[in-house]
Amino acid sequence: MSADYGLDPRRVDPEYDRHGGFPVYEPAQPGPGFERFLTAMRQAQDLAVSADPGPDTWDEAADRVEELVKLLDPYRAHEGVGPANRTPSLPGAGSLLMPPWVVTKFEADGVELEVTFSRYHVGGNSAVHGGVLPLLFDSMFGMVIHAVGRPISRTGFLHVDYRKVTPIDTKLTARGWLREAQGRKAFINAELRDPDDNLLAEANGLMIQLLAGQP
């Protein structure tokens, strides 16, 4: 699908760029090397929570990670400059903080994502940690706000009901939509389902339009 993320909210709000002082983040095009890096880092995250080598191997792993830190440290950049969270063609928009979701629908009547959690996201007994799902839903709420063309907003509250255990290594579907809008308030619903359409979790929340100067 297109990675432009739908409607331009500036059509709704000419003062959009002044709300909270948020800069305009343009999509990044970091090249194929970043995709390789992101894929390797996700694998490294999984191994960091699952590998059980001997002490010598941990020392060698630490040496290699420290070399990576030395390589990248001179290139630290401000928010919105690096490609993380600005590369919508990559899972999770290129951010390791985000579960590796891929947008499959981005319309005013709803947003849909495909997401596959991995060992890194396990809370216990091969189930996704309950704290990871609010992160997914909160990200989706922001996408819904943008898809319906509402001005930039922040989360007022987010409530999650856990219906079934969320598995790892399974392609899941997340859906979100605007339930109701009242002035600056937008009430949003979302759900997460497995390939058999079982409801794993559902969420509802409030997104509040920022006023000028609000962070």
N, C-alpha and C. Protein backbone atom coordinates (compact mmCIF):
# COMPACT_ATOMS: atom_id res chain seq x y z
N MET A 1 0.84 -1.19 0.00
CA MET A 1 0.00 0.00 0.00
C MET A 1 0.88 1.24 0.00
N SER A 2 0.27 2.38 -0.25
CA SER A 2 1.01 3.64 -0.22
C SER A 2 1.49 3.93 1.19
N ALA A 3 2.66 4.52 1.32
CA ALA A 3 3.21 4.82 2.64
C ALA A 3 3.00 6.27 3.04
N ASP A 4 2.09 6.97 2.37
CA ASP A 4 1.91 8.38 2.71
C ASP A 4 1.01 8.58 3.92
N TYR A 5 0.40 7.48 4.40
CA TYR A 5 -0.43 7.50 5.61
C TYR A 5 -1.65 8.41 5.46
N GLY A 6 -2.23 8.43 4.27
CA GLY A 6 -3.58 8.97 4.12
C GLY A 6 -3.69 10.46 4.00
N LEU A 7 -4.76 11.00 4.58
CA LEU A 7 -5.12 12.39 4.39
C LEU A 7 -4.12 13.34 5.05
N ASP A 8 -4.03 14.53 4.50
CA ASP A 8 -3.18 15.57 5.07
C ASP A 8 -3.99 16.34 6.10
N PRO A 9 -3.65 16.22 7.41
CA PRO A 9 -4.43 16.91 8.43
C PRO A 9 -4.37 18.42 8.32
N ARG A 10 -3.43 18.96 7.54
CA ARG A 10 -3.35 20.40 7.39
C ARG A 10 -4.57 20.95 6.65
N ARG A 11 -5.27 20.07 5.92
CA ARG A 11 -6.50 20.50 5.28
C ARG A 11 -7.59 20.79 6.31
N VAL A 12 -7.51 20.08 7.43
CA VAL A 12 -8.48 20.27 8.51
C VAL A 12 -8.07 21.42 9.41
N ASP A 13 -6.77 21.53 9.65
CA ASP A 13 -6.26 22.49 10.62
C ASP A 13 -5.07 23.25 10.04
N PRO A 14 -5.27 24.47 9.54
CA PRO A 14 -4.17 25.25 8.97
C PRO A 14 -3.06 25.54 9.98
N GLU A 15 -3.38 25.47 11.28
CA GLU A 15 -2.39 25.73 12.32
C GLU A 15 -1.70 24.44 12.79
N TYR A 16 -1.86 23.37 12.05
CA TYR A 16 -1.36 22.05 12.46
C TYR A 16 0.08 22.11 12.93
N ASP A 17 0.94 22.78 12.18
CA ASP A 17 2.37 22.77 12.48
C ASP A 17 2.71 23.49 13.78
N ARG A 18 1.78 24.25 14.32
CA ARG A 18 2.05 24.99 15.55
C ARG A 18 1.60 24.21 16.79
N HIS A 19 0.78 23.18 16.63
CA HIS A 19 0.28 22.43 17.78
C HIS A 19 1.43 21.70 18.46
N GLY A 20 1.69 22.11 19.70
CA GLY A 20 2.74 21.45 20.47
C GLY A 20 4.14 21.66 19.92
N GLY A 21 4.28 22.48 18.90
CA GLY A 21 5.59 22.69 18.31
C GLY A 21 6.12 21.48 17.59
N PHE A 22 5.25 20.56 17.20
CA PHE A 22 5.70 19.36 16.50
C PHE A 22 6.26 19.74 15.13
N PRO A 23 7.48 19.28 14.81
CA PRO A 23 7.99 19.53 13.46
C PRO A 23 7.31 18.62 12.46
N VAL A 24 7.46 18.94 11.20
CA VAL A 24 6.94 18.09 10.14
C VAL A 24 8.01 17.04 9.81
N TYR A 25 7.69 15.78 10.08
CA TYR A 25 8.63 14.70 9.82
C TYR A 25 8.36 14.11 8.44
N GLU A 26 9.31 14.25 7.56
CA GLU A 26 9.18 13.69 6.22
C GLU A 26 9.67 12.24 6.23
N PRO A 27 9.09 11.37 5.38
CA PRO A 27 9.58 9.99 5.30
C PRO A 27 11.05 9.95 4.93
N ALA A 28 11.77 9.01 5.55
CA ALA A 28 13.20 8.85 5.28
C ALA A 28 13.42 7.79 4.21
N GLN A 29 14.51 7.92 3.51
CA GLN A 29 14.92 6.93 2.51
C GLN A 29 16.37 6.56 2.78
N PRO A 30 16.58 5.74 3.82
CA PRO A 30 17.95 5.47 4.26
C PRO A 30 18.72 4.47 3.41
N GLY A 31 18.07 3.82 2.46
CA GLY A 31 18.76 2.84 1.62
C GLY A 31 18.67 1.44 2.20
N PRO A 32 19.05 0.43 1.40
CA PRO A 32 18.87 -0.96 1.81
C PRO A 32 19.70 -1.36 3.01
N GLY A 33 20.78 -0.66 3.26
CA GLY A 33 21.61 -1.00 4.42
C GLY A 33 20.86 -0.88 5.72
N PHE A 34 19.97 0.10 5.81
CA PHE A 34 19.21 0.28 7.06
C PHE A 34 18.24 -0.87 7.27
N GLU A 35 17.63 -1.35 6.19
CA GLU A 35 16.73 -2.50 6.32
C GLU A 35 17.48 -3.72 6.82
N ARG A 36 18.67 -3.96 6.28
CA ARG A 36 19.50 -5.08 6.76
C ARG A 36 19.84 -4.90 8.22
N PHE A 37 20.21 -3.66 8.59
CA PHE A 37 20.57 -3.35 9.98
C PHE A 37 19.37 -3.62 10.90
N LEU A 38 18.19 -3.15 10.49
CA LEU A 38 17.00 -3.31 11.31
C LEU A 38 16.66 -4.78 11.50
N THR A 39 16.74 -5.55 10.43
CA THR A 39 16.45 -6.99 10.51
C THR A 39 17.43 -7.69 11.45
N ALA A 40 18.71 -7.36 11.32
CA ALA A 40 19.72 -7.97 12.19
C ALA A 40 19.52 -7.57 13.64
N MET A 41 19.14 -6.31 13.89
CA MET A 41 18.93 -5.85 15.26
C MET A 41 17.72 -6.53 15.89
N ARG A 42 16.68 -6.78 15.11
CA ARG A 42 15.53 -7.51 15.66
C ARG A 42 15.93 -8.94 16.02
N GLN A 43 16.75 -9.55 15.18
CA GLN A 43 17.24 -10.89 15.50
C GLN A 43 18.12 -10.85 16.75
N ALA A 44 18.92 -9.80 16.87
CA ALA A 44 19.78 -9.66 18.04
C ALA A 44 18.95 -9.48 19.31
N GLN A 45 17.84 -8.74 19.21
CA GLN A 45 16.96 -8.59 20.36
C GLN A 45 16.41 -9.94 20.81
N ASP A 46 15.97 -10.75 19.84
CA ASP A 46 15.46 -12.08 20.18
C ASP A 46 16.54 -12.91 20.86
N LEU A 47 17.77 -12.86 20.33
CA LEU A 47 18.85 -13.65 20.90
C LEU A 47 19.27 -13.13 22.28
N ALA A 48 19.16 -11.82 22.47
CA ALA A 48 19.56 -11.24 23.74
C ALA A 48 18.71 -11.76 24.91
N VAL A 49 17.46 -12.17 24.60
CA VAL A 49 16.58 -12.67 25.67
C VAL A 49 16.43 -14.19 25.62
N SER A 50 17.11 -14.86 24.68
CA SER A 50 16.92 -16.31 24.57
C SER A 50 18.22 -17.10 24.58
N ALA A 51 19.33 -16.49 24.19
CA ALA A 51 20.59 -17.22 24.12
C ALA A 51 21.12 -17.54 25.52
N ASP A 52 21.81 -18.66 25.63
CA ASP A 52 22.40 -19.07 26.91
C ASP A 52 23.78 -19.68 26.69
N PRO A 53 24.73 -18.87 26.19
CA PRO A 53 26.08 -19.38 25.96
C PRO A 53 26.91 -19.33 27.25
N GLY A 54 28.16 -19.71 27.12
CA GLY A 54 29.06 -19.63 28.26
C GLY A 54 29.61 -18.23 28.44
N PRO A 55 30.33 -18.01 29.55
CA PRO A 55 30.87 -16.67 29.87
C PRO A 55 31.75 -16.09 28.77
N ASP A 56 32.57 -16.95 28.14
CA ASP A 56 33.47 -16.43 27.11
C ASP A 56 32.70 -15.87 25.93
N THR A 57 31.60 -16.53 25.57
CA THR A 57 30.80 -16.05 24.44
C THR A 57 30.13 -14.72 24.78
N TRP A 58 29.68 -14.56 26.02
CA TRP A 58 29.09 -13.28 26.41
C TRP A 58 30.12 -12.17 26.31
N ASP A 59 31.36 -12.46 26.71
CA ASP A 59 32.43 -11.45 26.61
C ASP A 59 32.66 -11.07 25.14
N GLU A 60 32.68 -12.07 24.26
CA GLU A 60 32.88 -11.79 22.84
C GLU A 60 31.71 -11.00 22.27
N ALA A 61 30.47 -11.36 22.68
CA ALA A 61 29.29 -10.63 22.22
C ALA A 61 29.34 -9.19 22.68
N ALA A 62 29.74 -8.97 23.93
CA ALA A 62 29.84 -7.60 24.45
C ALA A 62 30.86 -6.79 23.67
N ASP A 63 32.00 -7.44 23.32
CA ASP A 63 33.02 -6.74 22.53
C ASP A 63 32.45 -6.27 21.20
N ARG A 64 31.67 -7.15 20.55
CA ARG A 64 31.14 -6.81 19.22
C ARG A 64 30.08 -5.71 19.32
N VAL A 65 29.25 -5.78 20.37
CA VAL A 65 28.23 -4.73 20.55
C VAL A 65 28.90 -3.40 20.84
N GLU A 66 29.95 -3.41 21.65
CA GLU A 66 30.65 -2.18 21.96
C GLU A 66 31.30 -1.58 20.70
N GLU A 67 31.75 -2.44 19.79
CA GLU A 67 32.29 -1.95 18.52
C GLU A 67 31.19 -1.28 17.69
N LEU A 68 29.99 -1.87 17.72
CA LEU A 68 28.86 -1.27 17.01
C LEU A 68 28.51 0.10 17.59
N VAL A 69 28.56 0.20 18.91
CA VAL A 69 28.28 1.48 19.56
C VAL A 69 29.31 2.52 19.13
N LYS A 70 30.58 2.13 19.08
CA LYS A 70 31.63 3.05 18.64
C LYS A 70 31.39 3.51 17.20
N LEU A 71 30.91 2.60 16.36
CA LEU A 71 30.67 2.94 14.96
C LEU A 71 29.55 3.96 14.81
N LEU A 72 28.47 3.78 15.55
CA LEU A 72 27.29 4.62 15.37
C LEU A 72 27.26 5.87 16.25
N ASP A 73 27.98 5.85 17.34
CA ASP A 73 27.88 6.96 18.30
C ASP A 73 28.17 8.33 17.70
N PRO A 74 29.11 8.49 16.77
CA PRO A 74 29.36 9.83 16.19
C PRO A 74 28.20 10.36 15.36
N TYR A 75 27.23 9.51 15.05
CA TYR A 75 26.14 9.92 14.17
C TYR A 75 24.83 10.14 14.91
N ARG A 76 24.89 10.33 16.21
CA ARG A 76 23.66 10.63 16.97
C ARG A 76 22.98 11.85 16.37
N ALA A 77 21.65 11.79 16.24
CA ALA A 77 20.92 12.90 15.63
C ALA A 77 19.68 13.20 16.46
N HIS A 78 19.12 14.38 16.26
CA HIS A 78 17.91 14.77 16.97
C HIS A 78 16.71 13.96 16.48
N GLU A 79 15.67 13.95 17.29
CA GLU A 79 14.42 13.28 16.93
C GLU A 79 13.93 13.79 15.57
N GLY A 80 13.50 12.85 14.74
CA GLY A 80 12.98 13.24 13.44
C GLY A 80 14.03 13.41 12.36
N VAL A 81 15.29 13.14 12.70
CA VAL A 81 16.37 13.26 11.73
C VAL A 81 16.81 11.88 11.24
N GLY A 82 17.02 10.95 12.17
CA GLY A 82 17.39 9.60 11.80
C GLY A 82 16.22 8.85 11.17
N PRO A 83 16.48 7.71 10.52
CA PRO A 83 15.43 6.98 9.82
C PRO A 83 14.48 6.20 10.73
N ALA A 84 14.85 5.96 11.99
CA ALA A 84 13.97 5.22 12.89
C ALA A 84 12.65 5.97 13.06
N ASN A 85 11.57 5.23 12.89
CA ASN A 85 10.20 5.77 13.00
C ASN A 85 9.85 6.72 11.87
N ARG A 86 10.69 6.79 10.83
CA ARG A 86 10.41 7.64 9.67
C ARG A 86 10.51 6.88 8.36
N THR A 87 10.49 5.55 8.45
CA THR A 87 10.61 4.74 7.24
C THR A 87 9.40 3.82 7.15
N PRO A 88 8.26 4.34 6.70
CA PRO A 88 7.02 3.57 6.74
C PRO A 88 7.01 2.33 5.86
N SER A 89 7.98 2.20 4.97
CA SER A 89 8.04 1.00 4.13
C SER A 89 8.60 -0.20 4.89
N LEU A 90 9.16 0.03 6.09
CA LEU A 90 9.75 -1.05 6.87
C LEU A 90 8.86 -1.38 8.07
N PRO A 91 8.96 -2.60 8.58
CA PRO A 91 8.15 -2.98 9.75
C PRO A 91 8.35 -2.02 10.92
N GLY A 92 7.23 -1.65 11.55
CA GLY A 92 7.32 -0.72 12.67
C GLY A 92 7.84 0.64 12.29
N ALA A 93 7.72 0.99 11.01
CA ALA A 93 8.22 2.27 10.48
C ALA A 93 9.71 2.44 10.72
N GLY A 94 10.42 1.32 10.87
CA GLY A 94 11.86 1.38 11.04
C GLY A 94 12.31 1.64 12.46
N SER A 95 11.41 1.47 13.44
CA SER A 95 11.75 1.71 14.84
C SER A 95 11.81 0.39 15.60
N LEU A 96 12.91 0.13 16.28
CA LEU A 96 13.03 -1.07 17.10
C LEU A 96 12.13 -1.02 18.33
N LEU A 97 11.72 0.18 18.73
CA LEU A 97 10.79 0.29 19.86
C LEU A 97 9.45 -0.34 19.52
N MET A 98 9.03 -0.23 18.27
CA MET A 98 7.72 -0.69 17.86
C MET A 98 7.71 -2.17 17.52
N PRO A 99 6.62 -2.88 17.83
CA PRO A 99 6.48 -4.23 17.28
C PRO A 99 6.54 -4.14 15.76
N PRO A 100 7.03 -5.16 15.09
CA PRO A 100 7.22 -5.08 13.64
C PRO A 100 5.91 -5.19 12.85
N TRP A 101 5.11 -4.13 12.93
CA TRP A 101 3.84 -4.13 12.20
C TRP A 101 4.03 -3.63 10.77
N VAL A 102 3.10 -4.05 9.92
CA VAL A 102 3.05 -3.58 8.53
C VAL A 102 1.63 -3.11 8.26
N VAL A 103 1.48 -1.90 7.73
CA VAL A 103 0.17 -1.34 7.44
C VAL A 103 -0.43 -2.02 6.21
N THR A 104 -1.64 -2.56 6.35
CA THR A 104 -2.33 -3.18 5.21
C THR A 104 -3.55 -2.38 4.77
N LYS A 105 -4.02 -1.48 5.63
CA LYS A 105 -5.13 -0.60 5.26
C LYS A 105 -4.97 0.71 6.01
N PHE A 106 -5.16 1.81 5.30
CA PHE A 106 -5.06 3.13 5.93
C PHE A 106 -6.11 4.02 5.30
N GLU A 107 -7.33 3.94 5.83
CA GLU A 107 -8.47 4.66 5.29
C GLU A 107 -9.20 5.38 6.42
N ALA A 108 -10.07 6.32 6.03
CA ALA A 108 -10.81 7.08 7.03
C ALA A 108 -11.74 6.18 7.86
N ASP A 109 -12.18 5.05 7.30
CA ASP A 109 -13.08 4.17 8.04
C ASP A 109 -12.33 3.14 8.88
N GLY A 110 -11.00 3.16 8.86
CA GLY A 110 -10.26 2.25 9.71
C GLY A 110 -8.85 2.00 9.23
N VAL A 111 -8.01 1.56 10.16
CA VAL A 111 -6.62 1.22 9.90
C VAL A 111 -6.42 -0.25 10.27
N GLU A 112 -5.69 -0.98 9.44
CA GLU A 112 -5.38 -2.38 9.72
C GLU A 112 -3.88 -2.61 9.62
N LEU A 113 -3.38 -3.44 10.52
CA LEU A 113 -1.97 -3.80 10.56
C LEU A 113 -1.83 -5.31 10.62
N GLU A 114 -0.73 -5.81 10.06
CA GLU A 114 -0.30 -7.18 10.32
C GLU A 114 0.91 -7.08 11.24
N VAL A 115 0.92 -7.90 12.28
CA VAL A 115 2.02 -7.85 13.24
C VAL A 115 2.35 -9.26 13.69
N THR A 116 3.65 -9.54 13.79
CA THR A 116 4.12 -10.84 14.29
C THR A 116 5.08 -10.58 15.44
N PHE A 117 4.68 -10.99 16.62
CA PHE A 117 5.55 -10.84 17.79
C PHE A 117 6.54 -12.00 17.83
N SER A 118 7.68 -11.77 18.49
CA SER A 118 8.74 -12.77 18.54
C SER A 118 9.19 -13.01 19.98
N ARG A 119 10.25 -13.79 20.12
CA ARG A 119 10.74 -14.14 21.46
C ARG A 119 11.04 -12.90 22.30
N TYR A 120 11.49 -11.85 21.66
CA TYR A 120 11.81 -10.61 22.38
C TYR A 120 10.61 -10.06 23.14
N HIS A 121 9.39 -10.35 22.67
CA HIS A 121 8.19 -9.77 23.25
C HIS A 121 7.53 -10.67 24.30
N VAL A 122 8.14 -11.80 24.62
CA VAL A 122 7.54 -12.76 25.54
C VAL A 122 7.56 -12.23 26.97
N GLY A 123 6.41 -12.37 27.64
CA GLY A 123 6.34 -12.05 29.06
C GLY A 123 6.50 -13.31 29.90
N GLY A 124 6.05 -14.44 29.40
CA GLY A 124 6.17 -15.72 30.10
C GLY A 124 5.33 -16.77 29.41
N ASN A 125 5.81 -18.01 29.46
CA ASN A 125 5.08 -19.16 28.91
C ASN A 125 4.75 -18.97 27.44
N SER A 126 5.69 -18.38 26.70
CA SER A 126 5.58 -18.17 25.24
C SER A 126 4.43 -17.24 24.85
N ALA A 127 3.95 -16.45 25.77
CA ALA A 127 2.89 -15.47 25.48
C ALA A 127 3.48 -14.07 25.44
N VAL A 128 2.92 -13.23 24.56
CA VAL A 128 3.38 -11.85 24.46
C VAL A 128 3.13 -11.12 25.78
N HIS A 129 4.10 -10.37 26.23
CA HIS A 129 3.98 -9.59 27.47
C HIS A 129 2.80 -8.63 27.36
N GLY A 130 1.98 -8.59 28.40
CA GLY A 130 0.80 -7.73 28.36
C GLY A 130 1.11 -6.27 28.15
N GLY A 131 2.30 -5.82 28.56
CA GLY A 131 2.65 -4.42 28.40
C GLY A 131 3.00 -4.04 26.98
N VAL A 132 3.26 -5.02 26.12
CA VAL A 132 3.58 -4.73 24.72
C VAL A 132 2.34 -4.32 23.94
N LEU A 133 1.18 -4.90 24.29
CA LEU A 133 -0.02 -4.65 23.51
C LEU A 133 -0.50 -3.19 23.61
N PRO A 134 -0.44 -2.53 24.77
CA PRO A 134 -0.79 -1.11 24.78
C PRO A 134 0.10 -0.27 23.87
N LEU A 135 1.37 -0.64 23.72
CA LEU A 135 2.25 0.08 22.80
C LEU A 135 1.74 -0.05 21.37
N LEU A 136 1.34 -1.26 21.00
CA LEU A 136 0.78 -1.47 19.67
C LEU A 136 -0.49 -0.66 19.47
N PHE A 137 -1.39 -0.72 20.44
CA PHE A 137 -2.67 -0.01 20.32
C PHE A 137 -2.46 1.51 20.30
N ASP A 138 -1.54 2.00 21.13
CA ASP A 138 -1.31 3.44 21.17
C ASP A 138 -0.78 3.94 19.83
N SER A 139 0.11 3.15 19.22
CA SER A 139 0.61 3.51 17.89
C SER A 139 -0.53 3.54 16.88
N MET A 140 -1.41 2.55 16.98
CA MET A 140 -2.54 2.48 16.06
C MET A 140 -3.48 3.66 16.27
N PHE A 141 -3.70 4.08 17.50
CA PHE A 141 -4.57 5.23 17.76
C PHE A 141 -4.06 6.46 17.01
N GLY A 142 -2.73 6.67 17.05
CA GLY A 142 -2.15 7.80 16.33
C GLY A 142 -2.37 7.70 14.83
N MET A 143 -2.27 6.47 14.30
CA MET A 143 -2.52 6.27 12.87
C MET A 143 -3.97 6.57 12.52
N VAL A 144 -4.89 6.15 13.37
CA VAL A 144 -6.31 6.42 13.11
C VAL A 144 -6.56 7.92 13.07
N ILE A 145 -5.98 8.65 14.02
CA ILE A 145 -6.14 10.11 14.04
C ILE A 145 -5.68 10.71 12.71
N HIS A 146 -4.55 10.24 12.22
CA HIS A 146 -4.03 10.78 10.96
C HIS A 146 -4.90 10.34 9.79
N ALA A 147 -5.37 9.09 9.82
CA ALA A 147 -6.16 8.56 8.70
C ALA A 147 -7.48 9.30 8.52
N VAL A 148 -8.07 9.75 9.63
CA VAL A 148 -9.35 10.47 9.52
C VAL A 148 -9.14 11.96 9.30
N GLY A 149 -7.88 12.40 9.28
CA GLY A 149 -7.59 13.80 8.99
C GLY A 149 -7.79 14.74 10.16
N ARG A 150 -7.74 14.20 11.39
CA ARG A 150 -7.86 15.08 12.55
C ARG A 150 -6.49 15.68 12.90
N PRO A 151 -6.49 16.84 13.59
CA PRO A 151 -5.23 17.48 13.96
C PRO A 151 -4.43 16.62 14.93
N ILE A 152 -3.17 16.93 15.05
CA ILE A 152 -2.26 16.18 15.90
C ILE A 152 -2.81 16.11 17.33
N SER A 153 -2.73 14.92 17.94
CA SER A 153 -3.35 14.66 19.23
C SER A 153 -2.43 13.81 20.09
N ARG A 154 -2.70 13.84 21.39
CA ARG A 154 -2.01 12.95 22.33
C ARG A 154 -3.03 12.07 23.03
N THR A 155 -2.53 10.96 23.58
CA THR A 155 -3.40 10.00 24.25
C THR A 155 -3.86 10.54 25.60
N GLY A 156 -5.19 10.59 25.78
CA GLY A 156 -5.75 10.98 27.08
C GLY A 156 -5.86 9.78 28.01
N PHE A 157 -6.35 8.67 27.48
CA PHE A 157 -6.34 7.40 28.21
C PHE A 157 -6.39 6.27 27.21
N LEU A 158 -5.95 5.09 27.67
CA LEU A 158 -5.96 3.89 26.85
C LEU A 158 -6.30 2.72 27.75
N HIS A 159 -7.37 2.02 27.43
CA HIS A 159 -7.82 0.88 28.22
C HIS A 159 -7.74 -0.38 27.37
N VAL A 160 -7.13 -1.43 27.91
CA VAL A 160 -6.98 -2.69 27.19
C VAL A 160 -7.65 -3.82 27.95
N ASP A 161 -8.45 -4.61 27.25
CA ASP A 161 -9.01 -5.85 27.79
C ASP A 161 -8.32 -7.01 27.09
N TYR A 162 -7.77 -7.92 27.90
CA TYR A 162 -7.07 -9.09 27.37
C TYR A 162 -8.05 -10.26 27.34
N ARG A 163 -8.34 -10.77 26.14
CA ARG A 163 -9.36 -11.81 25.98
C ARG A 163 -8.77 -13.20 25.87
N LYS A 164 -7.62 -13.35 25.20
CA LYS A 164 -6.94 -14.62 25.07
C LYS A 164 -5.44 -14.36 25.07
N VAL A 165 -4.67 -15.40 25.32
CA VAL A 165 -3.22 -15.27 25.27
C VAL A 165 -2.79 -14.91 23.84
N THR A 166 -1.91 -13.92 23.73
CA THR A 166 -1.39 -13.50 22.43
C THR A 166 -0.13 -14.30 22.11
N PRO A 167 -0.13 -15.06 21.01
CA PRO A 167 1.01 -15.92 20.71
C PRO A 167 2.13 -15.18 19.98
N ILE A 168 3.32 -15.75 20.03
CA ILE A 168 4.43 -15.25 19.23
C ILE A 168 4.52 -16.08 17.94
N ASP A 169 5.32 -15.59 17.00
CA ASP A 169 5.59 -16.29 15.74
C ASP A 169 4.32 -16.62 14.98
N THR A 170 3.32 -15.76 15.08
CA THR A 170 2.04 -15.94 14.40
C THR A 170 1.62 -14.60 13.81
N LYS A 171 1.22 -14.60 12.54
CA LYS A 171 0.79 -13.35 11.91
C LYS A 171 -0.59 -12.98 12.43
N LEU A 172 -0.67 -11.85 13.12
CA LEU A 172 -1.91 -11.37 13.72
C LEU A 172 -2.41 -10.13 12.98
N THR A 173 -3.68 -9.81 13.18
CA THR A 173 -4.28 -8.64 12.54
C THR A 173 -4.79 -7.69 13.61
N ALA A 174 -4.37 -6.45 13.52
CA ALA A 174 -4.86 -5.39 14.41
C ALA A 174 -5.69 -4.41 13.60
N ARG A 175 -6.81 -4.00 14.17
CA ARG A 175 -7.70 -3.04 13.50
C ARG A 175 -8.03 -1.91 14.47
N GLY A 176 -8.13 -0.69 13.93
CA GLY A 176 -8.49 0.46 14.74
C GLY A 176 -9.39 1.39 13.96
N TRP A 177 -10.31 2.06 14.66
CA TRP A 177 -11.24 2.96 13.98
C TRP A 177 -11.73 4.03 14.95
N LEU A 178 -12.15 5.15 14.37
CA LEU A 178 -12.72 6.25 15.15
C LEU A 178 -14.16 5.91 15.50
N ARG A 179 -14.44 5.87 16.80
CA ARG A 179 -15.81 5.58 17.24
C ARG A 179 -16.66 6.84 17.30
N GLU A 180 -16.07 7.92 17.80
CA GLU A 180 -16.84 9.15 17.99
C GLU A 180 -15.88 10.32 18.15
N ALA A 181 -16.27 11.48 17.65
CA ALA A 181 -15.48 12.70 17.82
C ALA A 181 -16.36 13.78 18.45
N GLN A 182 -15.79 14.45 19.46
CA GLN A 182 -16.48 15.54 20.14
C GLN A 182 -15.51 16.70 20.32
N GLY A 183 -15.56 17.65 19.42
CA GLY A 183 -14.63 18.78 19.52
C GLY A 183 -13.20 18.31 19.44
N ARG A 184 -12.42 18.61 20.49
CA ARG A 184 -11.01 18.21 20.51
C ARG A 184 -10.83 16.74 20.86
N LYS A 185 -11.89 16.06 21.25
CA LYS A 185 -11.79 14.68 21.70
C LYS A 185 -12.13 13.70 20.58
N ALA A 186 -11.33 12.64 20.49
CA ALA A 186 -11.60 11.56 19.54
C ALA A 186 -11.54 10.25 20.31
N PHE A 187 -12.63 9.49 20.28
CA PHE A 187 -12.70 8.20 20.97
C PHE A 187 -12.45 7.09 19.94
N ILE A 188 -11.49 6.24 20.25
CA ILE A 188 -11.02 5.25 19.28
C ILE A 188 -11.12 3.85 19.87
N ASN A 189 -11.49 2.90 19.02
CA ASN A 189 -11.52 1.49 19.39
C ASN A 189 -10.50 0.73 18.55
N ALA A 190 -10.02 -0.38 19.09
CA ALA A 190 -9.08 -1.22 18.35
C ALA A 190 -9.19 -2.65 18.86
N GLU A 191 -8.72 -3.58 18.04
CA GLU A 191 -8.75 -4.99 18.43
C GLU A 191 -7.59 -5.72 17.78
N LEU A 192 -7.24 -6.86 18.37
CA LEU A 192 -6.19 -7.72 17.85
C LEU A 192 -6.75 -9.13 17.73
N ARG A 193 -6.60 -9.73 16.54
CA ARG A 193 -7.16 -11.06 16.28
C ARG A 193 -6.10 -11.98 15.68
N ASP A 194 -6.30 -13.30 15.91
CA ASP A 194 -5.39 -14.29 15.36
C ASP A 194 -5.88 -14.76 13.99
N PRO A 195 -5.15 -15.65 13.31
CA PRO A 195 -5.56 -16.07 11.97
C PRO A 195 -6.92 -16.76 11.91
N ASP A 196 -7.40 -17.30 13.06
CA ASP A 196 -8.72 -17.92 13.11
C ASP A 196 -9.80 -16.94 13.54
N ASP A 197 -9.45 -15.66 13.56
CA ASP A 197 -10.37 -14.58 13.91
C ASP A 197 -10.76 -14.58 15.39
N ASN A 198 -9.99 -15.25 16.22
CA ASN A 198 -10.22 -15.17 17.66
C ASN A 198 -9.79 -13.81 18.18
N LEU A 199 -10.60 -13.22 19.04
CA LEU A 199 -10.26 -11.93 19.63
C LEU A 199 -9.25 -12.14 20.75
N LEU A 200 -8.08 -11.56 20.61
CA LEU A 200 -7.02 -11.70 21.60
C LEU A 200 -7.03 -10.56 22.61
N ALA A 201 -7.27 -9.36 22.12
CA ALA A 201 -7.32 -8.18 22.99
C ALA A 201 -8.08 -7.08 22.27
N GLU A 202 -8.69 -6.20 23.04
CA GLU A 202 -9.36 -5.05 22.47
C GLU A 202 -9.07 -3.83 23.33
N ALA A 203 -9.14 -2.67 22.71
CA ALA A 203 -8.77 -1.45 23.40
C ALA A 203 -9.72 -0.33 23.04
N ASN A 204 -9.84 0.60 23.94
CA ASN A 204 -10.55 1.85 23.65
C ASN A 204 -9.78 2.97 24.32
N GLY A 205 -9.84 4.14 23.73
CA GLY A 205 -9.06 5.24 24.27
C GLY A 205 -9.55 6.59 23.81
N LEU A 206 -8.95 7.59 24.38
CA LEU A 206 -9.27 8.98 24.07
C LEU A 206 -8.03 9.68 23.56
N MET A 207 -8.14 10.30 22.40
CA MET A 207 -7.08 11.14 21.84
C MET A 207 -7.55 12.58 21.87
N ILE A 208 -6.73 13.47 22.40
CA ILE A 208 -7.12 14.87 22.59
C ILE A 208 -6.26 15.76 21.70
N GLN A 209 -6.93 16.56 20.89
CA GLN A 209 -6.23 17.50 20.01
C GLN A 209 -5.42 18.49 20.83
N LEU A 210 -4.16 18.67 20.46
CA LEU A 210 -3.30 19.62 21.16
C LEU A 210 -3.66 21.06 20.77
N LEU A 211 -3.53 21.93 21.75
CA LEU A 211 -3.64 23.35 21.51
C LEU A 211 -2.26 23.91 21.17
N ALA A 212 -2.24 25.09 20.62
CA ALA A 212 -0.94 25.72 20.30
C ALA A 212 -0.09 25.81 21.55
N GLY A 213 1.16 25.37 21.43
CA GLY A 213 2.11 25.45 22.55
C GLY A 213 2.11 24.25 23.45
N GLN A 214 1.15 23.34 23.33
CA GLN A 214 1.13 22.17 24.18
C GLN A 214 2.19 21.17 23.71
N PRO A 215 2.95 20.59 24.65
CA PRO A 215 4.02 19.64 24.26
C PRO A 215 3.45 18.28 23.90
